[in-house]
Amino acid sequence: MSAKTLSAAEWRQRLLATCQRMIDSADRLCQADRDLGDGDHGVTMARAFSAAQTAYGAAPASPGPDLAILGAKLMGAGGTSGIVFGTWFSSAGKALGAKEIDGRTLAEAMAEAAQAVRNRAKASPGDKTMVDALLPAVEALRAAADEGPEAALRKAASAAAAGAEATRQMIPHMGRARTMGERAVGFIDPGALSVAIIFEGLAATP
C-alpha cells in the first residue's frame, strides 16, 4: 500500500480512535454547551460515538459505510446537533463509498458533506456554529490533498482547531445561543469544538 493512501482497516482504526476521543471529551463538550445552551451536547455526542464503536465490532471495515454507520448513530441520538452531525457523516459516507482513501477522494467527500451540512443547518461562516471549524478543515484538506490523506488530515485538524477557537470572538446567529447576543463572546461554540476534536482523532496515528 502506498503512503498516499489509507486502507479500510487503517481508516477504521482512526474512526475507532475518534469515537473514543469524543466519548472522553463528553464533559468538556457539555461544559461548552452549558456556556451557551442546554449543556447536553457532550452526552449526545458520546451516546452516538459509543453506539458507532459497538456497531463497528459487528461490521467489516469499509470507508464509506463506516462513515454512514456513524452518521446513522448520530441521527438517532436526537437533537439538532445529532441531525447536523449525522448529515455530515452520512453525506461523506455516501460520497466516499467503497473507494480507497487518498487525499483527493477524502477532500472531495468532505467537501460534499460540508455543503450538505450548510444546506441542512442554513449556517454561514461567522454564525458561530460547527461550520466555522468544518469549512476551514475542508479547505485545508483540499489544499493538502496531493500530499496524501495523513498529511491532509493533520493540516485539517490544525485548521479545525483554529476555526473552533475563532468562534470565541463571534456573536451567535443560530440556535439557542443567538439569544445571548454579545454575552456569548468569549465562549467557544460546542459544535465547532466537536469538529476540532473529531479531526484530531482522524489525524492521530493509531
Protein backbone atom coordinates (compact mmCIF):
# COMPACT_ATOMS: atom_id res chain seq x y z
CA MET A 1 0.00 0.00 0.00
CA SER A 2 1.28 3.44 -0.90
CA ALA A 3 1.86 6.06 1.78
CA LYS A 4 -0.53 8.17 -0.27
CA THR A 5 -3.50 6.01 0.72
CA LEU A 6 -5.22 4.63 3.79
CA SER A 7 -6.59 1.10 3.77
CA ALA A 8 -10.08 0.29 5.03
CA ALA A 9 -8.56 -1.22 8.18
CA GLU A 10 -6.44 1.86 8.84
CA TRP A 11 -9.44 4.14 8.33
CA ARG A 12 -11.49 2.00 10.72
CA GLN A 13 -8.78 2.36 13.36
CA ARG A 14 -8.83 6.13 13.00
CA LEU A 15 -12.60 6.16 13.34
CA LEU A 16 -12.44 3.99 16.45
CA ALA A 17 -9.84 6.33 17.97
CA THR A 18 -12.06 9.29 17.10
CA CYS A 19 -15.05 7.65 18.76
CA GLN A 20 -13.07 7.15 21.95
CA ARG A 21 -11.78 10.71 21.86
CA MET A 22 -15.32 12.05 21.60
CA ILE A 23 -16.52 9.82 24.43
CA ASP A 24 -13.65 11.02 26.61
CA SER A 25 -14.47 14.64 25.73
CA ALA A 26 -18.12 14.44 26.86
CA ASP A 27 -17.64 16.58 29.99
CA ARG A 28 -15.65 19.20 28.10
CA LEU A 29 -18.34 19.42 25.42
CA CYS A 30 -21.13 19.59 27.97
CA GLN A 31 -19.40 22.49 29.69
CA ALA A 32 -19.00 24.32 26.38
CA ASP A 33 -22.71 23.76 25.73
CA ARG A 34 -23.67 24.97 29.21
CA ASP A 35 -21.83 28.20 28.49
CA LEU A 36 -24.11 28.82 25.51
CA GLY A 37 -27.07 26.46 25.61
CA ASP A 38 -28.56 23.39 27.21
CA GLY A 39 -25.47 21.54 28.37
CA ASP A 40 -26.28 18.18 26.77
CA HIS A 41 -24.12 18.31 23.64
CA GLY A 42 -21.39 16.11 25.09
CA VAL A 43 -23.91 13.49 26.18
CA THR A 44 -25.48 13.40 22.72
CA MET A 45 -22.11 13.04 21.02
CA ALA A 46 -20.84 10.39 23.44
CA ARG A 47 -24.02 8.34 23.01
CA ALA A 48 -23.72 8.34 19.23
CA PHE A 49 -19.99 7.66 19.06
CA SER A 50 -20.29 4.87 21.62
CA ALA A 51 -23.05 3.26 19.55
CA ALA A 52 -20.83 3.52 16.47
CA GLN A 53 -17.98 1.79 18.30
CA THR A 54 -20.28 -1.11 19.06
CA ALA A 55 -21.57 -1.27 15.50
CA TYR A 56 -18.06 -1.36 14.08
CA GLY A 57 -17.42 -4.52 16.04
CA ALA A 58 -20.11 -6.30 14.04
CA ALA A 59 -19.34 -4.98 10.53
CA PRO A 60 -16.42 -5.40 8.13
CA ALA A 61 -14.30 -2.30 7.60
CA SER A 62 -15.23 -0.21 4.56
CA PRO A 63 -14.52 3.54 4.34
CA GLY A 64 -17.85 4.94 3.13
CA PRO A 65 -20.10 2.50 5.01
CA ASP A 66 -18.12 3.15 8.20
CA LEU A 67 -18.88 6.86 7.92
CA ALA A 68 -22.50 6.06 7.15
CA ILE A 69 -22.74 3.94 10.30
CA LEU A 70 -21.55 6.88 12.37
CA GLY A 71 -23.96 9.18 10.54
CA ALA A 72 -26.88 6.88 11.34
CA LYS A 73 -25.95 6.69 15.03
CA LEU A 74 -25.71 10.48 15.21
CA MET A 75 -29.07 10.89 13.50
CA GLY A 76 -30.56 8.53 16.06
CA ALA A 77 -29.00 10.34 19.03
CA GLY A 78 -31.60 13.11 18.86
CA GLY A 79 -31.44 16.87 18.95
CA THR A 80 -30.33 19.38 16.38
CA SER A 81 -26.66 18.51 16.82
CA GLY A 82 -27.34 14.84 16.16
CA ILE A 83 -29.13 15.67 12.93
CA VAL A 84 -26.48 18.09 11.67
CA PHE A 85 -23.51 15.91 12.59
CA GLY A 86 -25.37 12.90 11.22
CA THR A 87 -25.79 14.76 7.94
CA TRP A 88 -22.04 15.37 7.85
CA PHE A 89 -21.05 11.73 8.19
CA SER A 90 -23.91 10.25 6.20
CA SER A 91 -23.15 12.57 3.29
CA ALA A 92 -19.41 11.91 3.49
CA GLY A 93 -20.04 8.17 3.58
CA LYS A 94 -22.26 8.32 0.52
CA ALA A 95 -19.69 10.38 -1.37
CA LEU A 96 -16.79 8.13 -0.38
CA GLY A 97 -18.46 4.79 -0.99
CA ALA A 98 -16.04 1.86 -1.02
CA LYS A 99 -13.24 3.84 -2.66
CA GLU A 100 -9.69 3.61 -1.42
CA ILE A 101 -8.90 6.68 0.64
CA ASP A 102 -6.39 9.02 -0.95
CA GLY A 103 -6.09 12.71 -0.23
CA ARG A 104 -8.17 13.89 -3.16
CA THR A 105 -11.01 11.42 -2.63
CA LEU A 106 -11.21 12.26 1.06
CA ALA A 107 -11.17 16.01 0.39
CA GLU A 108 -13.93 15.73 -2.19
CA ALA A 109 -16.11 13.60 0.08
CA MET A 110 -15.70 16.01 2.99
CA ALA A 111 -16.40 19.00 0.74
CA GLU A 112 -19.68 17.44 -0.39
CA ALA A 113 -20.54 16.68 3.21
CA ALA A 114 -19.78 20.23 4.33
CA GLN A 115 -22.14 21.58 1.69
CA ALA A 116 -24.83 19.16 2.90
CA VAL A 117 -24.33 20.46 6.44
CA ARG A 118 -24.70 24.04 5.27
CA ASN A 119 -27.84 23.16 3.36
CA ARG A 120 -29.31 21.43 6.40
CA ALA A 121 -28.28 23.94 9.06
CA LYS A 122 -28.64 27.10 6.96
CA ALA A 123 -25.45 28.31 8.62
CA SER A 124 -22.79 30.57 7.16
CA PRO A 125 -19.22 31.31 8.25
CA GLY A 126 -19.25 33.69 11.20
CA ASP A 127 -22.55 32.43 12.62
CA LYS A 128 -20.69 30.73 15.50
CA THR A 129 -21.54 27.14 14.57
CA MET A 130 -19.75 23.92 13.63
CA VAL A 131 -19.43 25.37 10.12
CA ASP A 132 -16.75 27.75 11.40
CA ALA A 133 -14.49 24.77 12.12
CA LEU A 134 -15.68 22.44 9.37
CA LEU A 135 -15.13 24.76 6.40
CA PRO A 136 -11.50 25.63 7.29
CA ALA A 137 -10.81 21.92 7.79
CA VAL A 138 -12.22 21.09 4.36
CA GLU A 139 -10.22 23.90 2.76
CA ALA A 140 -7.07 22.52 4.38
CA LEU A 141 -7.89 19.01 3.14
CA ARG A 142 -8.26 20.30 -0.39
CA ALA A 143 -5.07 22.33 -0.26
CA ALA A 144 -3.03 19.38 1.02
CA ALA A 145 -4.83 16.60 -0.86
CA ASP A 146 -1.86 15.76 -3.09
CA GLU A 147 0.30 15.20 -0.01
CA GLY A 148 -1.80 12.18 0.91
CA PRO A 149 -4.57 11.65 3.46
CA GLU A 150 -2.37 11.52 6.54
CA ALA A 151 -0.72 14.88 5.91
CA ALA A 152 -4.02 16.38 4.76
CA LEU A 153 -5.80 15.23 7.92
CA ARG A 154 -3.09 16.72 10.13
CA LYS A 155 -3.48 20.08 8.41
CA ALA A 156 -7.26 19.80 8.57
CA ALA A 157 -7.05 19.17 12.31
CA SER A 158 -4.98 22.31 12.80
CA ALA A 159 -7.40 24.34 10.69
CA ALA A 160 -10.42 22.97 12.55
CA ALA A 161 -8.85 23.79 15.91
CA ALA A 162 -8.11 27.35 14.79
CA GLY A 163 -11.64 27.70 13.42
CA ALA A 164 -13.17 26.48 16.64
CA GLU A 165 -11.04 28.84 18.71
CA ALA A 166 -12.10 31.73 16.47
CA THR A 167 -15.74 31.20 17.45
CA ARG A 168 -14.93 32.65 20.89
CA GLN A 169 -14.99 36.13 19.35
CA MET A 170 -18.18 35.60 17.36
CA ILE A 171 -21.75 36.60 18.16
CA PRO A 172 -24.09 33.65 17.51
CA HIS A 173 -26.74 33.93 14.83
CA MET A 174 -28.10 30.38 15.01
CA GLY A 175 -29.72 28.15 17.61
CA ARG A 176 -30.44 28.81 21.25
CA ALA A 177 -27.18 30.71 21.74
CA ARG A 178 -28.32 33.55 19.47
CA THR A 179 -30.45 34.94 22.31
CA MET A 180 -27.24 35.64 24.26
CA GLY A 181 -26.00 38.16 21.72
CA GLU A 182 -22.75 39.78 22.78
CA ARG A 183 -22.77 37.86 26.07
CA ALA A 184 -21.69 34.80 24.06
CA VAL A 185 -18.38 36.43 23.15
CA GLY A 186 -15.55 34.65 24.94
CA PHE A 187 -17.12 31.20 24.75
CA ILE A 188 -16.26 28.54 22.20
CA ASP A 189 -19.08 27.02 20.17
CA PRO A 190 -19.60 23.38 21.27
CA GLY A 191 -20.34 22.19 17.74
CA ALA A 192 -17.16 23.75 16.40
CA LEU A 193 -15.24 22.23 19.30
CA SER A 194 -16.65 18.81 18.39
CA VAL A 195 -15.48 19.24 14.81
CA ALA A 196 -11.99 20.06 16.05
CA ILE A 197 -11.90 17.00 18.32
CA ILE A 198 -13.15 14.76 15.51
CA PHE A 199 -10.41 15.92 13.15
CA GLU A 200 -7.85 15.50 15.92
CA GLY A 201 -8.96 11.89 16.19
CA LEU A 202 -8.91 11.28 12.46
CA ALA A 203 -5.44 12.82 12.17
CA ALA A 204 -3.90 10.85 15.03
CA THR A 205 -1.78 7.85 14.02
CA PRO A 206 -3.40 4.70 15.53
